[in-house]
């Protein structure tokens, strides 16, 4: 059975959402981020990314990690592609061309959107939106997002989904990066097609159930 290590308040949502969509059994082993703990290496600390046993799986000390037999994968973009290909079905690329398109959108999400979107999200989460520094970060992030989001908007203005006119792994990976932008409504306002597409993705039962479980996790 596939084993995924991590918690849902992280990029673990990417492979977990995919597995829920696939309806495949898997085990989710809770691993908390070490930075969330005061003493992550204490004897009574919960299993976390600085725990010696976890570091044998991923010496980089990051989640998610997936184990499938002898295979260990450690990147949140690579894991869903592997799982989609392993289990097949409509979420997986149906051809070399679709795989290339899906990879294109995944790379666009991780290189062009995730970084500034996370900068934006952190300003909001740490309640710095009313500070001069926070406003500067939000403005810069929104400027950095303009080009990749405009490209995505153009595609989604003509297509319901990213690849093959159906919901695929590419939509999961892109949606989970764009979700960070949702925290700042002004950054989403110029992109009606993205908002419609994101609502379509996030209305899926697998996503809603996952996010309910995420909300129940410890802060």
Protein backbone atom coordinates (compact mmCIF):
# COMPACT_ATOMS: atom_id res chain seq x y z
CA UNK A 1 0.00 0.00 0.00
CA UNK A 2 1.12 3.54 -0.72
CA UNK A 3 2.20 5.41 2.42
CA UNK A 4 2.26 9.21 2.51
CA UNK A 5 4.07 11.00 5.31
CA UNK A 6 3.01 14.45 6.43
CA UNK A 7 0.08 16.56 7.60
CA UNK A 8 -2.60 18.28 5.54
CA UNK A 9 -1.45 21.73 6.63
CA UNK A 10 1.31 21.42 4.05
CA UNK A 11 1.93 20.41 0.43
CA UNK A 12 0.79 16.92 1.43
CA UNK A 13 -2.62 18.01 0.15
CA UNK A 14 -1.37 17.51 -3.40
CA UNK A 15 -0.88 13.71 -3.32
CA UNK A 16 -3.69 13.19 -0.82
CA UNK A 17 -6.22 15.02 -3.02
CA UNK A 18 -5.12 12.90 -5.97
CA UNK A 19 -5.45 9.64 -4.05
CA UNK A 20 -8.90 10.64 -2.83
CA UNK A 21 -9.93 11.37 -6.40
CA UNK A 22 -8.56 8.00 -7.50
CA UNK A 23 -10.38 6.17 -4.71
CA UNK A 24 -7.21 4.25 -3.95
CA UNK A 25 -6.37 3.06 -0.43
CA UNK A 26 -3.33 4.64 1.19
CA UNK A 27 -1.94 5.30 4.64
CA UNK A 28 -1.32 8.85 5.83
CA UNK A 29 1.31 8.91 8.57
CA UNK A 30 1.22 12.22 10.50
CA UNK A 31 4.55 14.06 10.42
CA UNK A 32 4.50 17.62 11.73
CA UNK A 33 6.88 20.29 10.48
CA UNK A 34 9.72 20.78 12.95
CA UNK A 35 9.43 24.58 12.79
CA UNK A 36 5.96 24.32 14.38
CA UNK A 37 7.39 22.72 17.52
CA UNK A 38 9.32 24.44 20.30
CA UNK A 39 11.56 21.43 20.89
CA UNK A 40 11.29 19.14 17.85
CA UNK A 41 14.11 16.85 18.96
CA UNK A 42 12.88 16.36 22.52
CA UNK A 43 12.23 12.77 23.55
CA UNK A 44 8.50 13.40 23.90
CA UNK A 45 8.15 15.45 20.70
CA UNK A 46 5.61 14.17 18.15
CA UNK A 47 6.94 12.57 14.99
CA UNK A 48 8.22 15.50 12.97
CA UNK A 49 10.49 16.46 10.08
CA UNK A 50 13.53 16.62 12.41
CA UNK A 51 12.93 13.17 13.91
CA UNK A 52 15.80 10.77 13.14
CA UNK A 53 13.46 8.14 11.71
CA UNK A 54 11.93 10.67 9.35
CA UNK A 55 15.32 11.95 8.23
CA UNK A 56 16.21 8.46 7.07
CA UNK A 57 13.31 8.82 4.60
CA UNK A 58 14.08 12.38 3.56
CA UNK A 59 17.40 13.84 4.70
CA UNK A 60 16.13 17.26 3.55
CA UNK A 61 13.60 17.15 6.39
CA UNK A 62 10.58 18.09 4.28
CA UNK A 63 7.12 16.72 3.68
CA UNK A 64 5.51 15.07 1.81
CA UNK A 65 7.31 11.79 1.45
CA UNK A 66 5.73 8.85 -0.34
CA UNK A 67 6.77 5.22 0.04
CA UNK A 68 5.51 2.58 -2.37
CA UNK A 69 7.39 -0.66 -1.87
CA UNK A 70 11.07 0.15 -2.40
CA UNK A 71 10.35 3.51 -4.01
CA UNK A 72 10.71 6.66 -1.92
CA UNK A 73 9.69 10.02 -3.45
CA UNK A 74 10.07 13.36 -1.73
CA UNK A 75 8.73 16.13 -3.99
CA UNK A 76 5.11 17.28 -3.87
CA UNK A 77 4.96 17.71 -7.65
CA UNK A 78 6.64 14.42 -8.53
CA UNK A 79 4.59 12.25 -6.18
CA UNK A 80 1.18 12.98 -7.78
CA UNK A 81 2.56 12.41 -11.28
CA UNK A 82 3.87 9.02 -10.20
CA UNK A 83 0.60 8.07 -8.54
CA UNK A 84 -1.49 9.22 -11.51
CA UNK A 85 0.64 7.16 -13.87
CA UNK A 86 0.67 4.13 -11.56
CA UNK A 87 -3.08 3.97 -11.08
CA UNK A 88 -4.16 5.39 -14.44
CA UNK A 89 -7.65 6.59 -15.25
CA UNK A 90 -8.82 10.00 -16.49
CA UNK A 91 -6.67 11.95 -14.00
CA UNK A 92 -3.51 10.63 -15.65
CA UNK A 93 -2.09 11.99 -18.91
CA UNK A 94 -3.46 9.90 -21.77
CA UNK A 95 -0.54 10.46 -24.15
CA UNK A 96 2.99 11.82 -24.34
CA UNK A 97 1.52 15.12 -25.49
CA UNK A 98 -0.82 15.34 -22.51
CA UNK A 99 2.00 14.44 -20.15
CA UNK A 100 4.11 17.26 -21.60
CA UNK A 101 1.23 19.72 -21.18
CA UNK A 102 0.60 18.59 -17.62
CA UNK A 103 4.27 18.95 -16.74
CA UNK A 104 4.29 22.37 -18.37
CA UNK A 105 1.47 23.58 -16.11
CA UNK A 106 2.99 21.97 -13.02
CA UNK A 107 6.33 23.68 -13.67
CA UNK A 108 4.54 26.97 -14.30
CA UNK A 109 2.74 26.61 -10.97
CA UNK A 110 5.82 25.81 -8.92
CA UNK A 111 8.20 28.29 -10.55
CA UNK A 112 5.92 31.23 -11.33
CA UNK A 113 3.05 31.13 -8.85
CA UNK A 114 3.88 29.29 -5.63
CA UNK A 115 6.71 31.55 -4.42
CA UNK A 116 5.00 34.96 -4.57
CA UNK A 117 1.68 33.39 -3.58
CA UNK A 118 3.24 32.03 -0.39
CA UNK A 119 4.82 35.42 0.33
CA UNK A 120 1.35 36.91 0.06
CA UNK A 121 -0.21 34.22 2.23
CA UNK A 122 2.33 34.66 5.00
CA UNK A 123 1.65 38.39 5.23
CA UNK A 124 -2.03 37.60 5.73
CA UNK A 125 -1.50 34.70 8.12
CA UNK A 126 0.83 36.72 10.34
CA UNK A 127 -1.56 39.71 10.25
CA UNK A 128 0.90 42.12 8.67
CA UNK A 129 -1.47 43.47 6.01
CA UNK A 130 -1.79 46.84 7.78
CA UNK A 131 1.95 47.38 8.02
CA UNK A 132 4.07 49.23 5.49
CA UNK A 133 6.26 46.17 5.09
CA UNK A 134 3.26 43.91 4.57
CA UNK A 135 1.74 46.18 1.96
CA UNK A 136 5.06 46.24 0.10
CA UNK A 137 5.22 42.42 0.07
CA UNK A 138 1.63 42.16 -1.17
CA UNK A 139 2.25 44.67 -3.95
CA UNK A 140 5.43 42.97 -5.09
CA UNK A 141 3.85 39.51 -5.00
CA UNK A 142 0.84 40.69 -6.98
CA UNK A 143 3.15 42.20 -9.58
CA UNK A 144 5.14 38.96 -9.82
CA UNK A 145 1.95 36.95 -10.21
CA UNK A 146 0.54 39.09 -13.01
CA UNK A 147 2.34 37.35 -15.86
CA UNK A 148 1.81 33.69 -14.86
CA UNK A 149 -1.79 34.30 -13.79
CA UNK A 150 -2.55 36.17 -17.00
CA UNK A 151 -1.23 33.23 -19.00
CA UNK A 152 -3.37 30.84 -16.96
CA UNK A 153 -6.39 33.13 -17.34
CA UNK A 154 -6.01 33.12 -21.12
CA UNK A 155 -6.00 29.34 -21.25
CA UNK A 156 -8.93 28.92 -18.87
CA UNK A 157 -10.99 31.50 -20.73
CA UNK A 158 -11.14 28.92 -23.54
CA UNK A 159 -10.94 25.63 -21.62
CA UNK A 160 -12.69 24.22 -18.55
CA UNK A 161 -9.52 22.45 -17.41
CA UNK A 162 -5.80 22.53 -18.11
CA UNK A 163 -5.26 19.37 -20.14
CA UNK A 164 -7.53 17.33 -22.39
CA UNK A 165 -10.71 19.21 -21.44
CA UNK A 166 -11.08 17.10 -18.29
CA UNK A 167 -9.96 17.29 -14.66
CA UNK A 168 -6.45 15.84 -14.31
CA UNK A 169 -3.42 15.79 -12.04
CA UNK A 170 -2.38 19.08 -13.66
CA UNK A 171 -5.46 20.81 -12.26
CA UNK A 172 -4.75 19.49 -8.76
CA UNK A 173 -1.18 20.76 -8.79
CA UNK A 174 -2.02 24.15 -10.23
CA UNK A 175 -5.08 24.62 -8.03
CA UNK A 176 -3.09 23.89 -4.89
CA UNK A 177 -0.63 26.66 -5.79
CA UNK A 178 -3.32 29.14 -6.81
CA UNK A 179 -5.18 28.39 -3.56
CA UNK A 180 -2.55 30.43 -1.72
CA UNK A 181 -3.52 33.48 -3.80
CA UNK A 182 -7.15 33.13 -2.69
CA UNK A 183 -6.22 34.50 0.71
CA UNK A 184 -5.83 37.95 -0.90
CA UNK A 185 -9.02 38.68 -2.84
CA UNK A 186 -7.63 41.73 -4.73
CA UNK A 187 -5.00 39.48 -6.32
CA UNK A 188 -7.71 37.16 -7.69
CA UNK A 189 -10.13 39.85 -8.83
CA UNK A 190 -8.62 40.42 -12.32
CA UNK A 191 -8.94 36.74 -13.25
CA UNK A 192 -12.59 35.62 -13.60
CA UNK A 193 -11.77 32.48 -15.58
CA UNK A 194 -9.29 31.35 -12.91
CA UNK A 195 -11.86 31.99 -10.18
CA UNK A 196 -14.46 29.94 -12.04
CA UNK A 197 -12.02 27.09 -12.69
CA UNK A 198 -10.80 27.11 -9.08
CA UNK A 199 -14.36 26.94 -7.84
CA UNK A 200 -14.95 24.00 -10.17
CA UNK A 201 -11.92 22.19 -8.77
CA UNK A 202 -12.62 23.00 -5.14
CA UNK A 203 -16.26 21.92 -5.36
CA UNK A 204 -15.19 18.34 -5.94
CA UNK A 205 -16.08 16.03 -3.01
CA UNK A 206 -12.51 14.74 -2.66
CA UNK A 207 -11.21 18.27 -2.15
CA UNK A 208 -13.97 19.30 0.25
CA UNK A 209 -13.52 16.18 2.40
CA UNK A 210 -9.76 16.69 2.50
CA UNK A 211 -10.08 20.31 3.58
CA UNK A 212 -12.50 19.38 6.35
CA UNK A 213 -9.90 16.96 7.69
CA UNK A 214 -7.23 19.64 7.30
CA UNK A 215 -9.27 22.08 9.38
CA UNK A 216 -9.48 19.50 12.16
CA UNK A 217 -5.69 19.13 12.39
CA UNK A 218 -3.81 20.90 15.23
CA UNK A 219 -2.66 24.42 14.37
